[in-house]
Amino acid sequence: MAQCHPLPLIEWHDATLISIQFDWKSGTCVASFRGAPNMVAGPFRLRWSTVSDLHVPRTLGWSPSISVLSAVENPKGRYTLIYRAAYVITILTDSVMLEQ
């Protein structure tokens, strides 16, 4: 069973995105990452529940970078992941859990 922890957004810098899965029926989105240098544990997953909006562009305008530059929650329930290649993934949700 996965251990759940508080969401340390500042520690996501340089985490590597492996995959994003979205279950349409349940409104659940799971993103899998390789560990980040600032995180003690290795690979982790984020599980967003009751997702009302998910935006995942992949235009490859610059490069296919999969490393997180920054992550923020602003306002509450709107998560923004910014990648080195200037991609911005946004998730609107009521709940998120970090699983390691």
C-alpha atoms as a PDB file:
ATOM      1  CA  MET A   1       0.000   0.000   0.000  1.00  0.00           C
ATOM      2  CA  ALA A   2       1.299   3.469  -0.902  1.00  0.00           C
ATOM      3  CA  GLN A   3       2.386   5.841   1.819  1.00  0.00           C
ATOM      4  CA  CYS A   4       0.731   9.269   1.621  1.00  0.00           C
ATOM      5  CA  HIS A   5       2.593  12.450   2.526  1.00  0.00           C
ATOM      6  CA  PRO A   6       2.011  16.215   2.480  1.00  0.00           C
ATOM      7  CA  LEU A   7       2.579  17.721  -0.959  1.00  0.00           C
ATOM      8  CA  PRO A   8       6.074  19.341  -1.000  1.00  0.00           C
ATOM      9  CA  LEU A   9       5.661  21.403  -4.185  1.00  0.00           C
ATOM     10  CA  ILE A  10       9.001  23.173  -3.843  1.00  0.00           C
ATOM     11  CA  GLU A  11      10.817  19.818  -3.857  1.00  0.00           C
ATOM     12  CA  TRP A  12       9.516  18.798  -7.293  1.00  0.00           C
ATOM     13  CA  HIS A  13      12.249  20.749  -9.113  1.00  0.00           C
ATOM     14  CA  ASP A  14      13.945  18.412 -11.608  1.00  0.00           C
ATOM     15  CA  ALA A  15      11.521  15.546 -10.985  1.00  0.00           C
ATOM     16  CA  THR A  16      11.101  13.548 -14.197  1.00  0.00           C
ATOM     17  CA  LEU A  17       7.594  12.939 -15.532  1.00  0.00           C
ATOM     18  CA  ILE A  18       7.105   9.314 -16.611  1.00  0.00           C
ATOM     19  CA  SER A  19       3.385   9.141 -17.363  1.00  0.00           C
ATOM     20  CA  ILE A  20      -0.027  10.721 -16.845  1.00  0.00           C
ATOM     21  CA  GLN A  21      -3.159   8.575 -16.658  1.00  0.00           C
ATOM     22  CA  PHE A  22      -6.688   9.977 -16.523  1.00  0.00           C
ATOM     23  CA  ASP A  23      -9.704   7.878 -15.579  1.00  0.00           C
ATOM     24  CA  TRP A  24     -12.609   9.713 -17.192  1.00  0.00           C
ATOM     25  CA  LYS A  25     -15.362   7.927 -15.270  1.00  0.00           C
ATOM     26  CA  SER A  26     -13.899   8.523 -11.796  1.00  0.00           C
ATOM     27  CA  GLY A  27     -12.281  11.887 -12.584  1.00  0.00           C
ATOM     28  CA  THR A  28      -8.962  10.641 -11.203  1.00  0.00           C
ATOM     29  CA  CYS A  29      -5.589  11.654 -12.649  1.00  0.00           C
ATOM     30  CA  VAL A  30      -2.348   9.886 -11.670  1.00  0.00           C
ATOM     31  CA  ALA A  31       1.055  11.273 -12.648  1.00  0.00           C
ATOM     32  CA  SER A  32       4.139   9.100 -12.094  1.00  0.00           C
ATOM     33  CA  PHE A  33       7.558  10.689 -11.576  1.00  0.00           C
ATOM     34  CA  ARG A  34      11.112   9.570 -11.054  1.00  0.00           C
ATOM     35  CA  GLY A  35      12.515  11.122  -7.913  1.00  0.00           C
ATOM     36  CA  ALA A  36      13.779  14.678  -7.677  1.00  0.00           C
ATOM     37  CA  PRO A  37      17.176  15.675  -6.214  1.00  0.00           C
ATOM     38  CA  ASN A  38      15.512  17.509  -3.294  1.00  0.00           C
ATOM     39  CA  MET A  39      13.221  14.619  -2.348  1.00  0.00           C
ATOM     40  CA  VAL A  40      14.504  11.992   0.071  1.00  0.00           C
ATOM     41  CA  ALA A  41      12.565   9.095  -1.462  1.00  0.00           C
ATOM     42  CA  GLY A  42      12.843   7.850  -5.033  1.00  0.00           C
ATOM     43  CA  PRO A  43       9.936   7.534  -7.478  1.00  0.00           C
ATOM     44  CA  PHE A  44       6.578   9.011  -6.493  1.00  0.00           C
ATOM     45  CA  ARG A  45       3.038   9.404  -7.813  1.00  0.00           C
ATOM     46  CA  LEU A  46       0.519  12.195  -7.510  1.00  0.00           C
ATOM     47  CA  ARG A  47      -3.120  11.200  -7.408  1.00  0.00           C
ATOM     48  CA  TRP A  48      -5.651  13.967  -8.066  1.00  0.00           C
ATOM     49  CA  SER A  49      -9.300  13.127  -7.312  1.00  0.00           C
ATOM     50  CA  THR A  50     -12.468  14.828  -8.553  1.00  0.00           C
ATOM     51  CA  VAL A  51     -10.592  16.433 -11.459  1.00  0.00           C
ATOM     52  CA  SER A  52     -12.752  18.992 -13.271  1.00  0.00           C
ATOM     53  CA  ASP A  53     -10.160  20.179 -15.807  1.00  0.00           C
ATOM     54  CA  LEU A  54      -6.897  18.721 -17.113  1.00  0.00           C
ATOM     55  CA  HIS A  55      -4.684  20.503 -19.643  1.00  0.00           C
ATOM     56  CA  VAL A  56      -1.629  18.623 -20.972  1.00  0.00           C
ATOM     57  CA  PRO A  57      -0.028  20.309 -24.010  1.00  0.00           C
ATOM     58  CA  ARG A  58       2.722  18.536 -25.933  1.00  0.00           C
ATOM     59  CA  THR A  59       3.619  20.764 -28.844  1.00  0.00           C
ATOM     60  CA  LEU A  60       7.372  20.061 -28.779  1.00  0.00           C
ATOM     61  CA  GLY A  61       8.066  23.665 -29.759  1.00  0.00           C
ATOM     62  CA  TRP A  62      11.397  23.684 -27.931  1.00  0.00           C
ATOM     63  CA  SER A  63      12.356  20.176 -26.911  1.00  0.00           C
ATOM     64  CA  PRO A  64      10.796  17.069 -25.409  1.00  0.00           C
ATOM     65  CA  SER A  65      11.929  17.980 -21.850  1.00  0.00           C
ATOM     66  CA  ILE A  66      10.263  15.938 -19.111  1.00  0.00           C
ATOM     67  CA  SER A  67      11.861  17.665 -16.096  1.00  0.00           C
ATOM     68  CA  VAL A  68       9.803  19.837 -13.764  1.00  0.00           C
ATOM     69  CA  LEU A  69      11.055  23.414 -13.450  1.00  0.00           C
ATOM     70  CA  SER A  70       8.491  24.441 -10.820  1.00  0.00           C
ATOM     71  CA  ALA A  71       5.154  23.447  -9.319  1.00  0.00           C
ATOM     72  CA  VAL A  72       2.573  25.653  -7.608  1.00  0.00           C
ATOM     73  CA  GLU A  73      -0.937  25.521  -6.229  1.00  0.00           C
ATOM     74  CA  ASN A  74      -2.587  28.892  -6.851  1.00  0.00           C
ATOM     75  CA  PRO A  75      -5.388  29.407  -6.159  1.00  0.00           C
ATOM     76  CA  LYS A  76      -6.373  26.458  -3.959  1.00  0.00           C
ATOM     77  CA  GLY A  77      -7.227  23.427  -6.103  1.00  0.00           C
ATOM     78  CA  ARG A  78      -5.400  24.639  -9.251  1.00  0.00           C
ATOM     79  CA  TYR A  79      -2.085  22.857  -9.706  1.00  0.00           C
ATOM     80  CA  THR A  80       0.389  24.108 -12.287  1.00  0.00           C
ATOM     81  CA  LEU A  81       3.453  22.109 -13.324  1.00  0.00           C
ATOM     82  CA  ILE A  82       5.935  24.052 -15.444  1.00  0.00           C
ATOM     83  CA  TYR A  83       8.490  22.095 -17.463  1.00  0.00           C
ATOM     84  CA  ARG A  84      11.911  23.188 -18.705  1.00  0.00           C
ATOM     85  CA  ALA A  85      10.638  23.236 -22.291  1.00  0.00           C
ATOM     86  CA  ALA A  86       7.987  25.829 -21.273  1.00  0.00           C
ATOM     87  CA  TYR A  87       5.119  23.331 -21.214  1.00  0.00           C
ATOM     88  CA  VAL A  88       2.504  24.082 -18.578  1.00  0.00           C
ATOM     89  CA  ILE A  89       0.288  21.286 -17.258  1.00  0.00           C
ATOM     90  CA  THR A  90      -2.712  22.412 -15.231  1.00  0.00           C
ATOM     91  CA  ILE A  91      -5.085  20.374 -13.085  1.00  0.00           C
ATOM     92  CA  LEU A  92      -8.223  21.646 -11.350  1.00  0.00           C
ATOM     93  CA  THR A  93      -9.176  19.323  -8.500  1.00  0.00           C
ATOM     94  CA  ASP A  94     -10.624  19.017  -5.030  1.00  0.00           C
ATOM     95  CA  SER A  95      -8.009  16.617  -3.688  1.00  0.00           C
ATOM     96  CA  VAL A  96      -4.419  15.492  -4.253  1.00  0.00           C
ATOM     97  CA  MET A  97      -2.236  12.873  -2.551  1.00  0.00           C
ATOM     98  CA  LEU A  98       1.473  12.199  -2.837  1.00  0.00           C
ATOM     99  CA  GLU A  99       2.239   8.473  -2.887  1.00  0.00           C
ATOM    100  CA  GLN A 100       5.725   7.016  -2.418  1.00  0.00           C
END
